[in-house]
C-alpha atoms as a PDB file:
ATOM      1  CA  MET A   1      25.344  -6.966  16.838  1.00  0.00           C
ATOM      2  CA  THR A   2      23.911  -6.366  20.303  1.00  0.00           C
ATOM      3  CA  ASP A   3      20.441  -4.976  19.553  1.00  0.00           C
ATOM      4  CA  ARG A   4      17.603  -7.404  18.999  1.00  0.00           C
ATOM      5  CA  VAL A   5      16.639  -7.472  15.329  1.00  0.00           C
ATOM      6  CA  TYR A   6      13.485  -8.441  13.515  1.00  0.00           C
ATOM      7  CA  ALA A   7      12.973  -9.892  10.061  1.00  0.00           C
ATOM      8  CA  ALA A   8      10.604  -8.195   7.639  1.00  0.00           C
ATOM      9  CA  VAL A   9       9.228  -9.541   4.371  1.00  0.00           C
ATOM     10  CA  ASP A  10       7.089  -7.686   1.842  1.00  0.00           C
ATOM     11  CA  LEU A  11       5.693 -10.298  -0.557  1.00  0.00           C
ATOM     12  CA  GLY A  12       4.767  -8.962  -3.992  1.00  0.00           C
ATOM     13  CA  GLY A  13       3.671 -10.507  -7.240  1.00  0.00           C
ATOM     14  CA  THR A  14       7.064 -10.056  -8.896  1.00  0.00           C
ATOM     15  CA  LYS A  15       9.534  -9.517  -6.050  1.00  0.00           C
ATOM     16  CA  ILE A  16      10.139 -10.271  -2.399  1.00  0.00           C
ATOM     17  CA  ALA A  17      11.689  -7.510  -0.312  1.00  0.00           C
ATOM     18  CA  GLY A  18      13.361  -8.552   2.924  1.00  0.00           C
ATOM     19  CA  ALA A  19      15.193  -6.804   5.739  1.00  0.00           C
ATOM     20  CA  LEU A  20      16.531  -7.174   9.248  1.00  0.00           C
ATOM     21  CA  ALA A  21      15.974  -4.132  11.438  1.00  0.00           C
ATOM     22  CA  THR A  22      15.743  -2.969  15.023  1.00  0.00           C
ATOM     23  CA  ALA A  23      12.438  -2.090  16.666  1.00  0.00           C
ATOM     24  CA  GLU A  24      13.317   1.577  16.032  1.00  0.00           C
ATOM     25  CA  GLY A  25      13.295   0.901  12.284  1.00  0.00           C
ATOM     26  CA  GLN A  26      17.048   0.977  11.749  1.00  0.00           C
ATOM     27  CA  VAL A  27      17.724  -1.424   8.854  1.00  0.00           C
ATOM     28  CA  VAL A  28      20.882  -3.473   9.345  1.00  0.00           C
ATOM     29  CA  ALA A  29      20.585  -5.739   6.280  1.00  0.00           C
ATOM     30  CA  GLU A  30      18.370  -5.748   3.213  1.00  0.00           C
ATOM     31  CA  GLU A  31      17.853  -8.106   0.276  1.00  0.00           C
ATOM     32  CA  ARG A  32      15.470  -8.624  -2.623  1.00  0.00           C
ATOM     33  CA  ALA A  33      14.572 -11.713  -4.618  1.00  0.00           C
ATOM     34  CA  LEU A  34      12.261 -12.590  -7.474  1.00  0.00           C
ATOM     35  CA  THR A  35       8.958 -14.070  -6.344  1.00  0.00           C
ATOM     36  CA  LEU A  36       8.647 -16.515  -9.280  1.00  0.00           C
ATOM     37  CA  SER A  37       5.109 -17.117  -8.090  1.00  0.00           C
ATOM     38  CA  HIS A  38       4.354 -19.523 -10.939  1.00  0.00           C
ATOM     39  CA  GLU A  39       6.424 -22.108  -9.058  1.00  0.00           C
ATOM     40  CA  GLY A  40       3.745 -22.268  -6.361  1.00  0.00           C
ATOM     41  CA  PRO A  41       3.464 -21.373  -2.669  1.00  0.00           C
ATOM     42  CA  GLY A  42       5.926 -24.002  -1.453  1.00  0.00           C
ATOM     43  CA  ALA A  43       8.730 -22.735  -3.646  1.00  0.00           C
ATOM     44  CA  VAL A  44       8.022 -19.112  -2.735  1.00  0.00           C
ATOM     45  CA  ILE A  45       8.025 -19.916   0.987  1.00  0.00           C
ATOM     46  CA  LYS A  46      11.381 -21.666   0.597  1.00  0.00           C
ATOM     47  CA  ARG A  47      12.680 -18.588  -1.228  1.00  0.00           C
ATOM     48  CA  ILE A  48      11.549 -16.411   1.688  1.00  0.00           C
ATOM     49  CA  TRP A  49      13.368 -18.714   4.093  1.00  0.00           C
ATOM     50  CA  ASP A  50      16.518 -18.518   1.965  1.00  0.00           C
ATOM     51  CA  LEU A  51      16.225 -14.730   1.940  1.00  0.00           C
ATOM     52  CA  VAL A  52      15.939 -14.560   5.735  1.00  0.00           C
ATOM     53  CA  GLN A  53      18.889 -16.932   6.072  1.00  0.00           C
ATOM     54  CA  ALA A  54      20.991 -14.691   3.841  1.00  0.00           C
ATOM     55  CA  LEU A  55      20.005 -11.605   5.860  1.00  0.00           C
ATOM     56  CA  ALA A  56      20.883 -13.315   9.140  1.00  0.00           C
ATOM     57  CA  ALA A  57      24.269 -14.361   7.764  1.00  0.00           C
ATOM     58  CA  ARG A  58      25.028 -10.796   6.660  1.00  0.00           C
ATOM     59  CA  ALA A  59      23.986  -9.319   9.995  1.00  0.00           C
ATOM     60  CA  GLY A  60      25.605 -12.024  12.101  1.00  0.00           C
ATOM     61  CA  THR A  61      22.480 -12.541  14.205  1.00  0.00           C
ATOM     62  CA  ARG A  62      19.148 -14.346  14.135  1.00  0.00           C
ATOM     63  CA  PRO A  63      15.817 -12.487  14.083  1.00  0.00           C
ATOM     64  CA  ALA A  64      13.641 -12.501  17.201  1.00  0.00           C
ATOM     65  CA  ALA A  65      10.474 -12.585  15.073  1.00  0.00           C
ATOM     66  CA  LEU A  66       9.394 -12.226  11.455  1.00  0.00           C
ATOM     67  CA  GLY A  67       6.653  -9.932  10.129  1.00  0.00           C
ATOM     68  CA  MET A  68       5.299 -10.473   6.647  1.00  0.00           C
ATOM     69  CA  GLY A  69       2.960  -8.403   4.485  1.00  0.00           C
ATOM     70  CA  VAL A  70       1.017 -10.401   1.889  1.00  0.00           C
ATOM     71  CA  PRO A  71      -1.151  -9.144  -0.979  1.00  0.00           C
ATOM     72  CA  GLY A  72      -4.561 -10.371   0.052  1.00  0.00           C
ATOM     73  CA  LEU A  73      -6.717 -11.857   2.768  1.00  0.00           C
ATOM     74  CA  VAL A  74      -5.090 -13.625   5.741  1.00  0.00           C
ATOM     75  CA  ASP A  75      -6.380 -15.549   8.749  1.00  0.00           C
ATOM     76  CA  LEU A  76      -4.482 -13.436  11.264  1.00  0.00           C
ATOM     77  CA  ARG A  77      -4.688 -15.803  14.207  1.00  0.00           C
ATOM     78  CA  ALA A  78      -3.780 -18.935  12.270  1.00  0.00           C
ATOM     79  CA  GLY A  79      -1.188 -17.343   9.965  1.00  0.00           C
ATOM     80  CA  VAL A  80      -2.919 -18.882   6.946  1.00  0.00           C
ATOM     81  CA  THR A  81      -3.399 -17.110   3.619  1.00  0.00           C
ATOM     82  CA  ARG A  82      -7.010 -17.276   2.467  1.00  0.00           C
ATOM     83  CA  PHE A  83      -7.049 -15.401  -0.825  1.00  0.00           C
ATOM     84  CA  LEU A  84      -4.154 -13.694  -2.635  1.00  0.00           C
ATOM     85  CA  PRO A  85      -5.932 -12.766  -5.868  1.00  0.00           C
ATOM     86  CA  ASN A  86      -2.905 -11.911  -7.999  1.00  0.00           C
ATOM     87  CA  LEU A  87      -0.785 -14.993  -7.244  1.00  0.00           C
ATOM     88  CA  PRO A  88      -1.194 -18.372  -8.987  1.00  0.00           C
ATOM     89  CA  THR A  89      -3.486 -20.746  -7.035  1.00  0.00           C
ATOM     90  CA  GLN A  90      -4.517 -17.616  -5.086  1.00  0.00           C
ATOM     91  CA  TRP A  91      -2.741 -19.198  -2.098  1.00  0.00           C
ATOM     92  CA  ARG A  92      -6.000 -20.507  -0.687  1.00  0.00           C
ATOM     93  CA  ASP A  93      -5.564 -22.005   2.805  1.00  0.00           C
ATOM     94  CA  VAL A  94      -1.757 -22.068   2.725  1.00  0.00           C
ATOM     95  CA  PRO A  95      -0.414 -22.452   6.319  1.00  0.00           C
ATOM     96  CA  VAL A  96       2.423 -19.986   5.793  1.00  0.00           C
ATOM     97  CA  ARG A  97       3.223 -19.504   9.465  1.00  0.00           C
ATOM     98  CA  ASP A  98       3.436 -23.235  10.208  1.00  0.00           C
ATOM     99  CA  LEU A  99       5.582 -23.836   7.132  1.00  0.00           C
ATOM    100  CA  LEU A 100       7.925 -20.921   7.719  1.00  0.00           C
ATOM    101  CA  ALA A 101       8.322 -20.614  11.500  1.00  0.00           C
ATOM    102  CA  PRO A 102      10.200 -23.912  12.052  1.00  0.00           C
ATOM    103  CA  ARG A 103      12.640 -22.971   9.310  1.00  0.00           C
ATOM    104  CA  VAL A 104      13.408 -19.449  10.495  1.00  0.00           C
ATOM    105  CA  GLY A 105      13.337 -20.450  14.154  1.00  0.00           C
ATOM    106  CA  CYS A 106      11.167 -17.591  15.411  1.00  0.00           C
ATOM    107  CA  PRO A 107       7.521 -16.465  15.570  1.00  0.00           C
ATOM    108  CA  VAL A 108       6.008 -15.489  12.215  1.00  0.00           C
ATOM    109  CA  TYR A 109       3.216 -12.917  11.873  1.00  0.00           C
ATOM    110  CA  LEU A 110       1.200 -12.218   8.720  1.00  0.00           C
ATOM    111  CA  LEU A 111      -0.860  -9.195   7.723  1.00  0.00           C
ATOM    112  CA  ASN A 112      -2.348  -7.769   4.541  1.00  0.00           C
ATOM    113  CA  ASP A 113       0.334  -5.774   2.742  1.00  0.00           C
ATOM    114  CA  VAL A 114      -1.438  -2.411   2.750  1.00  0.00           C
ATOM    115  CA  ARG A 115      -2.410  -2.718   6.394  1.00  0.00           C
ATOM    116  CA  THR A 116       1.277  -3.491   6.942  1.00  0.00           C
ATOM    117  CA  ALA A 117       2.229  -0.300   5.084  1.00  0.00           C
ATOM    118  CA  THR A 118      -0.272   1.602   7.221  1.00  0.00           C
ATOM    119  CA  LEU A 119       1.476   0.247  10.297  1.00  0.00           C
ATOM    120  CA  GLY A 120       4.814   1.356   8.869  1.00  0.00           C
ATOM    121  CA  GLU A 121       3.577   4.892   8.338  1.00  0.00           C
ATOM    122  CA  LEU A 122       2.038   4.946  11.819  1.00  0.00           C
ATOM    123  CA  THR A 123       5.195   3.709  13.519  1.00  0.00           C
ATOM    124  CA  TYR A 124       7.989   5.330  11.522  1.00  0.00           C
ATOM    125  CA  GLY A 125       6.414   7.928   9.229  1.00  0.00           C
ATOM    126  CA  HIS A 126       3.982  10.843   9.424  1.00  0.00           C
ATOM    127  CA  GLY A 127       1.756   8.814  11.737  1.00  0.00           C
ATOM    128  CA  ARG A 128       4.150   9.169  14.648  1.00  0.00           C
ATOM    129  CA  THR A 129       2.350  12.385  15.594  1.00  0.00           C
ATOM    130  CA  ALA A 130      -1.189  11.256  14.690  1.00  0.00           C
ATOM    131  CA  ASN A 131      -3.910   9.794  16.861  1.00  0.00           C
ATOM    132  CA  THR A 132      -6.312   8.789  14.082  1.00  0.00           C
ATOM    133  CA  MET A 133      -5.234   8.329  10.473  1.00  0.00           C
ATOM    134  CA  ALA A 134      -6.116   6.763   7.143  1.00  0.00           C
ATOM    135  CA  PHE A 135      -3.646   5.433   4.600  1.00  0.00           C
ATOM    136  CA  PHE A 136      -4.395   5.189   0.863  1.00  0.00           C
ATOM    137  CA  ALA A 137      -2.070   3.061  -1.269  1.00  0.00           C
ATOM    138  CA  LEU A 138      -2.598   4.341  -4.813  1.00  0.00           C
ATOM    139  CA  GLY A 139      -0.963   1.973  -7.289  1.00  0.00           C
ATOM    140  CA  THR A 140      -1.901  -0.864  -9.625  1.00  0.00           C
ATOM    141  CA  GLY A 141      -4.848  -1.253  -7.269  1.00  0.00           C
ATOM    142  CA  ILE A 142      -5.959   0.914  -4.386  1.00  0.00           C
ATOM    143  CA  GLY A 143      -5.711  -0.399  -0.844  1.00  0.00           C
ATOM    144  CA  GLY A 144      -5.878   1.226   2.527  1.00  0.00           C
ATOM    145  CA  GLY A 145      -5.708   1.067   6.265  1.00  0.00           C
ATOM    146  CA  ILE A 146      -7.292   2.822   9.222  1.00  0.00           C
ATOM    147  CA  VAL A 147      -5.837   3.731  12.603  1.00  0.00           C
ATOM    148  CA  VAL A 148      -8.034   4.832  15.509  1.00  0.00           C
ATOM    149  CA  GLU A 149      -6.476   6.008  18.765  1.00  0.00           C
ATOM    150  CA  ARG A 150      -3.122   4.740  17.501  1.00  0.00           C
ATOM    151  CA  ARG A 151      -4.466   1.238  16.949  1.00  0.00           C
ATOM    152  CA  LEU A 152      -4.650  -0.410  13.553  1.00  0.00           C
ATOM    153  CA  ARG A 153      -8.262  -1.393  12.987  1.00  0.00           C
ATOM    154  CA  LEU A 154      -8.432  -4.778  11.301  1.00  0.00           C
ATOM    155  CA  GLY A 155     -11.961  -6.085  11.754  1.00  0.00           C
ATOM    156  CA  PRO A 156     -12.888  -9.765  12.129  1.00  0.00           C
ATOM    157  CA  LEU A 157     -11.245 -10.810   8.840  1.00  0.00           C
ATOM    158  CA  GLY A 158      -8.347  -8.360   8.773  1.00  0.00           C
ATOM    159  CA  ALA A 159     -10.113  -6.657   5.876  1.00  0.00           C
ATOM    160  CA  ALA A 160     -11.145  -3.387   7.528  1.00  0.00           C
ATOM    161  CA  GLY A 161      -9.741  -0.417   5.655  1.00  0.00           C
ATOM    162  CA  GLU A 162     -10.341  -1.466   2.044  1.00  0.00           C
ATOM    163  CA  LEU A 163     -10.596   2.202   1.117  1.00  0.00           C
ATOM    164  CA  GLY A 164     -10.172   1.543  -2.600  1.00  0.00           C
ATOM    165  CA  HIS A 165     -13.488  -0.275  -2.770  1.00  0.00           C
ATOM    166  CA  GLN A 166     -15.795   2.470  -1.594  1.00  0.00           C
ATOM    167  CA  THR A 167     -18.272   3.466  -4.296  1.00  0.00           C
ATOM    168  CA  ILE A 168     -17.475   6.877  -5.760  1.00  0.00           C
ATOM    169  CA  VAL A 169     -19.562   6.874  -8.972  1.00  0.00           C
ATOM    170  CA  PRO A 170     -22.755   4.782  -8.885  1.00  0.00           C
ATOM    171  CA  ASP A 171     -22.962   2.571 -11.997  1.00  0.00           C
ATOM    172  CA  GLY A 172     -19.381   3.574 -12.847  1.00  0.00           C
ATOM    173  CA  PRO A 173     -16.763   1.266 -14.401  1.00  0.00           C
ATOM    174  CA  LEU A 174     -16.728  -2.366 -13.346  1.00  0.00           C
ATOM    175  CA  CYS A 175     -14.134  -3.038 -10.655  1.00  0.00           C
ATOM    176  CA  GLY A 176     -12.178  -6.242 -10.197  1.00  0.00           C
ATOM    177  CA  CYS A 177     -14.013  -6.786  -6.903  1.00  0.00           C
ATOM    178  CA  GLY A 178     -17.332  -7.072  -8.748  1.00  0.00           C
ATOM    179  CA  ASN A 179     -18.728  -3.688  -7.728  1.00  0.00           C
ATOM    180  CA  ARG A 180     -19.108  -0.699 -10.035  1.00  0.00           C
ATOM    181  CA  GLY A 181     -17.672   2.751  -9.548  1.00  0.00           C
ATOM    182  CA  CYS A 182     -15.073   1.852  -6.904  1.00  0.00           C
ATOM    183  CA  LEU A 183     -12.246   4.301  -6.319  1.00  0.00           C
ATOM    184  CA  GLU A 184      -9.872   1.611  -7.616  1.00  0.00           C
ATOM    185  CA  ALA A 185     -11.712   1.403 -10.944  1.00  0.00           C
ATOM    186  CA  LEU A 186     -11.491   5.182 -11.336  1.00  0.00           C
ATOM    187  CA  ALA A 187      -8.154   6.256  -9.882  1.00  0.00           C
ATOM    188  CA  SER A 188      -5.706   3.324  -9.883  1.00  0.00           C
ATOM    189  CA  GLY A 189      -2.529   3.608 -11.929  1.00  0.00           C
ATOM    190  CA  PRO A 190      -3.917   1.544 -14.844  1.00  0.00           C
ATOM    191  CA  ALA A 191      -7.166   3.539 -14.886  1.00  0.00           C
ATOM    192  CA  ILE A 192      -5.261   6.830 -15.042  1.00  0.00           C
ATOM    193  CA  ALA A 193      -2.856   5.553 -17.704  1.00  0.00           C
ATOM    194  CA  ALA A 194      -5.767   4.278 -19.816  1.00  0.00           C
ATOM    195  CA  GLU A 195      -7.165   7.796 -19.994  1.00  0.00           C
ATOM    196  CA  GLY A 196      -3.715   9.090 -20.903  1.00  0.00           C
ATOM    197  CA  VAL A 197      -3.493   6.567 -23.747  1.00  0.00           C
ATOM    198  CA  ARG A 198      -6.909   7.661 -25.013  1.00  0.00           C
ATOM    199  CA  LEU A 199      -5.835  11.297 -25.060  1.00  0.00           C
ATOM    200  CA  LEU A 200      -2.543  10.372 -26.717  1.00  0.00           C
ATOM    201  CA  LEU A 201      -4.138   8.345 -29.496  1.00  0.00           C
ATOM    202  CA  SER A 202      -6.833  10.950 -30.122  1.00  0.00           C
ATOM    203  CA  GLY A 203      -4.262  13.696 -30.630  1.00  0.00           C
ATOM    204  CA  GLN A 204      -5.204  15.658 -27.516  1.00  0.00           C
ATOM    205  CA  ALA A 205      -1.892  15.220 -25.671  1.00  0.00           C
ATOM    206  CA  PRO A 206       1.015  16.505 -27.791  1.00  0.00           C
ATOM    207  CA  ARG A 207       3.360  17.005 -24.815  1.00  0.00           C
ATOM    208  CA  LEU A 208       2.638  13.509 -23.565  1.00  0.00           C
ATOM    209  CA  HIS A 209       3.239  12.195 -27.080  1.00  0.00           C
ATOM    210  CA  ASP A 210       6.679  13.790 -27.079  1.00  0.00           C
ATOM    211  CA  LEU A 211       7.564  12.529 -23.586  1.00  0.00           C
ATOM    212  CA  VAL A 212       6.774   8.895 -24.405  1.00  0.00           C
ATOM    213  CA  GLU A 213       7.900   9.157 -28.051  1.00  0.00           C
ATOM    214  CA  GLY A 214       4.436   8.149 -29.197  1.00  0.00           C
ATOM    215  CA  ASP A 215       4.541   4.814 -27.372  1.00  0.00           C
ATOM    216  CA  PRO A 216       1.251   4.162 -25.502  1.00  0.00           C
ATOM    217  CA  GLY A 217       2.969   1.471 -23.440  1.00  0.00           C
ATOM    218  CA  ARG A 218       5.128   4.133 -21.776  1.00  0.00           C
ATOM    219  CA  VAL A 219       2.199   6.220 -20.536  1.00  0.00           C
ATOM    220  CA  THR A 220       2.153   6.388 -16.722  1.00  0.00           C
ATOM    221  CA  PRO A 221       0.575   8.787 -14.216  1.00  0.00           C
ATOM    222  CA  ARG A 222       3.990  10.336 -13.637  1.00  0.00           C
ATOM    223  CA  GLU A 223       4.523  10.996 -17.351  1.00  0.00           C
ATOM    224  CA  MET A 224       1.016  12.408 -17.520  1.00  0.00           C
ATOM    225  CA  ALA A 225       1.807  14.803 -14.674  1.00  0.00           C
ATOM    226  CA  ARG A 226       4.926  15.934 -16.521  1.00  0.00           C
ATOM    227  CA  ALA A 227       2.864  16.493 -19.670  1.00  0.00           C
ATOM    228  CA  ALA A 228       0.254  18.453 -17.753  1.00  0.00           C
ATOM    229  CA  GLU A 229       2.955  20.676 -16.282  1.00  0.00           C
ATOM    230  CA  ALA A 230       4.373  21.180 -19.782  1.00  0.00           C
ATOM    231  CA  GLY A 231       1.046  22.449 -21.095  1.00  0.00           C
ATOM    232  CA  ASP A 232      -1.218  19.522 -22.035  1.00  0.00           C
ATOM    233  CA  SER A 233      -4.514  20.996 -20.827  1.00  0.00           C
ATOM    234  CA  ALA A 234      -6.552  17.868 -21.581  1.00  0.00           C
ATOM    235  CA  VAL A 235      -4.146  15.737 -19.552  1.00  0.00           C
ATOM    236  CA  HIS A 236      -4.228  18.258 -16.705  1.00  0.00           C
ATOM    237  CA  GLU A 237      -8.027  18.207 -16.740  1.00  0.00           C
ATOM    238  CA  ALA A 238      -8.068  14.398 -16.690  1.00  0.00           C
ATOM    239  CA  LEU A 239      -5.700  14.222 -13.724  1.00  0.00           C
ATOM    240  CA  VAL A 240      -7.621  16.829 -11.749  1.00  0.00           C
ATOM    241  CA  ARG A 241     -10.835  14.894 -12.367  1.00  0.00           C
ATOM    242  CA  VAL A 242      -9.298  11.607 -11.202  1.00  0.00           C
ATOM    243  CA  PHE A 243      -7.575  13.152  -8.204  1.00  0.00           C
ATOM    244  CA  GLY A 244     -10.917  14.733  -7.344  1.00  0.00           C
ATOM    245  CA  TYR A 245     -12.270  11.188  -6.990  1.00  0.00           C
ATOM    246  CA  VAL A 246      -9.492  10.492  -4.498  1.00  0.00           C
ATOM    247  CA  GLY A 247     -10.498  13.696  -2.717  1.00  0.00           C
ATOM    248  CA  ILE A 248     -14.109  12.476  -2.498  1.00  0.00           C
ATOM    249  CA  ALA A 249     -12.864   9.225  -0.968  1.00  0.00           C
ATOM    250  CA  VAL A 250     -10.808  11.198   1.557  1.00  0.00           C
ATOM    251  CA  ALA A 251     -13.841  13.381   2.348  1.00  0.00           C
ATOM    252  CA  ASN A 252     -15.907  10.246   2.983  1.00  0.00           C
ATOM    253  CA  ILE A 253     -13.311   9.036   5.465  1.00  0.00           C
ATOM    254  CA  ALA A 254     -13.154  12.499   7.027  1.00  0.00           C
ATOM    255  CA  VAL A 255     -16.850  12.608   7.904  1.00  0.00           C
ATOM    256  CA  ILE A 256     -16.710   9.054   9.274  1.00  0.00           C
ATOM    257  CA  LEU A 257     -13.487   9.253  11.296  1.00  0.00           C
ATOM    258  CA  HIS A 258     -12.415  12.912  11.411  1.00  0.00           C
ATOM    259  CA  PRO A 259      -8.770  11.774  11.286  1.00  0.00           C
ATOM    260  CA  ASP A 260      -5.785  13.884  12.207  1.00  0.00           C
ATOM    261  CA  LEU A 261      -3.942  12.629   9.152  1.00  0.00           C
ATOM    262  CA  VAL A 262      -4.517  11.148   5.712  1.00  0.00           C
ATOM    263  CA  VAL A 263      -1.459   9.649   4.016  1.00  0.00           C
ATOM    264  CA  LEU A 264      -1.289   9.050   0.260  1.00  0.00           C
ATOM    265  CA  GLY A 265       1.180   6.340  -0.728  1.00  0.00           C
ATOM    266  CA  GLY A 266       1.882   4.084  -3.672  1.00  0.00           C
ATOM    267  CA  GLY A 267       3.249   4.826  -7.122  1.00  0.00           C
ATOM    268  CA  VAL A 268       0.472   7.268  -8.107  1.00  0.00           C
ATOM    269  CA  ALA A 269       1.365   9.484  -5.130  1.00  0.00           C
ATOM    270  CA  GLU A 270       4.724  10.125  -6.776  1.00  0.00           C
ATOM    271  CA  VAL A 271       3.064  12.619  -9.123  1.00  0.00           C
ATOM    272  CA  GLY A 272       3.337  15.036  -6.220  1.00  0.00           C
ATOM    273  CA  ALA A 273       1.645  18.375  -5.638  1.00  0.00           C
ATOM    274  CA  LEU A 274      -1.112  18.063  -8.265  1.00  0.00           C
ATOM    275  CA  LEU A 275      -2.484  15.078  -6.346  1.00  0.00           C
ATOM    276  CA  THR A 276      -2.156  16.467  -2.836  1.00  0.00           C
ATOM    277  CA  ASP A 277      -3.381  19.959  -3.771  1.00  0.00           C
ATOM    278  CA  THR A 278      -6.444  18.558  -5.553  1.00  0.00           C
ATOM    279  CA  VAL A 279      -7.270  16.232  -2.671  1.00  0.00           C
ATOM    280  CA  ARG A 280      -6.964  19.043  -0.121  1.00  0.00           C
ATOM    281  CA  GLN A 281      -9.181  21.333  -2.206  1.00  0.00           C
ATOM    282  CA  THR A 282     -11.792  18.620  -2.726  1.00  0.00           C
ATOM    283  CA  LEU A 283     -11.750  17.822   0.993  1.00  0.00           C
ATOM    284  CA  ARG A 284     -12.515  21.467   1.792  1.00  0.00           C
ATOM    285  CA  GLU A 285     -15.291  21.591  -0.803  1.00  0.00           C
ATOM    286  CA  ARG A 286     -16.945  18.316   0.192  1.00  0.00           C
ATOM    287  CA  VAL A 287     -16.941  18.477   3.988  1.00  0.00           C
ATOM    288  CA  GLY A 288     -19.298  21.099   5.374  1.00  0.00           C
ATOM    289  CA  MET A 289     -20.131  19.649   8.772  1.00  0.00           C
ATOM    290  CA  PHE A 290     -16.941  20.797  10.479  1.00  0.00           C
ATOM    291  CA  PRO A 291     -13.684  22.595   9.635  1.00  0.00           C
ATOM    292  CA  VAL A 292     -11.111  20.357   7.946  1.00  0.00           C
ATOM    293  CA  ASP A 293      -8.085  22.603   8.429  1.00  0.00           C
ATOM    294  CA  GLY A 294      -6.819  20.262  11.129  1.00  0.00           C
ATOM    295  CA  ILE A 295      -6.774  17.230   8.808  1.00  0.00           C
ATOM    296  CA  ARG A 296      -3.308  16.860   7.324  1.00  0.00           C
ATOM    297  CA  VAL A 297      -3.059  15.324   3.848  1.00  0.00           C
ATOM    298  CA  GLU A 298       0.492  14.171   3.169  1.00  0.00           C
ATOM    299  CA  ARG A 299       2.398  11.967   0.778  1.00  0.00           C
ATOM    300  CA  SER A 300       3.941   8.955   2.481  1.00  0.00           C
ATOM    301  CA  ALA A 301       7.145   9.724   4.340  1.00  0.00           C
ATOM    302  CA  LEU A 302       8.372   6.179   3.687  1.00  0.00           C
ATOM    303  CA  GLY A 303       7.525   5.733  -0.011  1.00  0.00           C
ATOM    304  CA  ASP A 304       7.933   2.180  -1.262  1.00  0.00           C
ATOM    305  CA  ARG A 305       9.557   1.150   2.041  1.00  0.00           C
ATOM    306  CA  ALA A 306       6.351   1.598   4.040  1.00  0.00           C
ATOM    307  CA  GLY A 307       5.400  -2.069   3.709  1.00  0.00           C
ATOM    308  CA  LEU A 308       8.824  -3.369   4.623  1.00  0.00           C
ATOM    309  CA  LEU A 309       9.124  -1.114   7.666  1.00  0.00           C
ATOM    310  CA  GLY A 310       5.568  -1.979   8.640  1.00  0.00           C
ATOM    311  CA  ALA A 311       6.585  -5.638   8.654  1.00  0.00           C
ATOM    312  CA  VAL A 312       9.405  -4.705  11.050  1.00  0.00           C
ATOM    313  CA  ALA A 313       6.861  -3.101  13.376  1.00  0.00           C
ATOM    314  CA  LEU A 314       4.559  -6.119  12.997  1.00  0.00           C
ATOM    315  CA  ALA A 315       7.337  -8.414  14.196  1.00  0.00           C
ATOM    316  CA  ALA A 316       8.636  -6.108  16.920  1.00  0.00           C
ATOM    317  CA  GLN A 317       5.210  -5.467  18.429  1.00  0.00           C
ATOM    318  CA  GLY A 318       4.193  -9.116  18.571  1.00  0.00           C
ATOM    319  CA  GLY A 319       1.920  -9.475  15.558  1.00  0.00           C
ATOM    320  CA  PRO A 320      -1.555  -8.158  14.777  1.00  0.00           C
ATOM    321  CA  PHE A 321      -2.836  -8.933  18.261  1.00  0.00           C
ATOM    322  CA  GLY A 322       0.133  -7.613  20.222  1.00  0.00           C
ATOM    323  CA  ARG A 323      -0.187  -4.850  22.775  1.00  0.00           C
ATOM    324  CA  GLU A 324      -0.235  -2.120  20.120  1.00  0.00           C
ATOM    325  CA  TYR A 325      -3.105  -3.648  18.161  1.00  0.00           C
ATOM    326  CA  GLU A 326      -6.804  -4.196  18.318  1.00  0.00           C
ATOM    327  CA  GLY A 327      -8.677  -6.625  16.108  1.00  0.00           C
END
C-alpha cells in the first residue's frame, strides 16, 4: 500500500462502522462491530481502537489520521463529547480524542454524525458540483448540515444545521428536543410509521395490512410507500402530507440560503420518487420570491455510507478546522 490512508469511524447506537480509505474516498478495508453502548464509553472507545487495529492489519498500513462521526454534541476543538442523547450516560465530557489518539497513533477528529454525512455528500457525492447545499438526514430522527461556498458551517458549538428542529406546525406534536411542531416530530421514520399503524388498525390500509401480514411492528415508511403504490389512498395521502412538511422545511432553507442543492438522505429517503417529487412540488409552491428551478433536490448519492465517507474526508482534510472548513 503506497497511498496514504485515513481511518473513518461512524459511531451509532447499535453498531460502529469503520473503514480505511484514501483521500479520494477509495475504501481499502472496512469493518463493523456492535457498539454495546451499555458497557460505557471506555469500553466503546476500546472497541473502536480494536476496530482500527483490525483495519490497519488488513490493509497493511497505519492511518495518517482518524475522523469520527458521533451522534450528538461535540467540543470540536477539544475532541470531547458533550451530549450524545441516545447513548447511556449521554457521554457527557468524555475526552474521546485524548483517550483514542495515543492508542491509534495518529490525530483524531470528531464531528456530529449528520454534519459528517453532509461533508461526505459534499466531498464524494452530489455536492461535488455544488457551491451551497443543505443536507437532510431523514431517519429515526431528523438531522442536517449546511454548506456555504463549499465550507461546512458549524457555528460556535458545532450545532449549526439542525434542520430537523425548525418549527413547521406551531403547537404541533411535542418533539424530543422540548419544542413543539418540529420537522422531526412530524416527518421522522417513527412519526410516519405511527400514522401507518393508525391507518392499519383502523381498517383504512388494506394493502399495507397485506404487505406486513397484519403486524403493526412491521410498518415502515418503505412498506407504506409500497402500499400507496398498490392503491392504499389513505396511506398515499398520509405520505404526501408528511413529505409536504419536508418540502416546507426545504422551502424555508431555500429562502434563507438559496442553495444550489438540497440532498435528502437517511432511511426515509429510500421511499424514492414520492418523497422527492412532493418536496420539489412543495418547494415550487412555497417559494415565490425567486425562481427555484435552479435548486436541485436529490436523494443522497452515498446512502448509508455518507457518514463513513464523511469521516474519511474529516480525517483527510485535517479536522473541522482544516483548510476546507470554517467554524
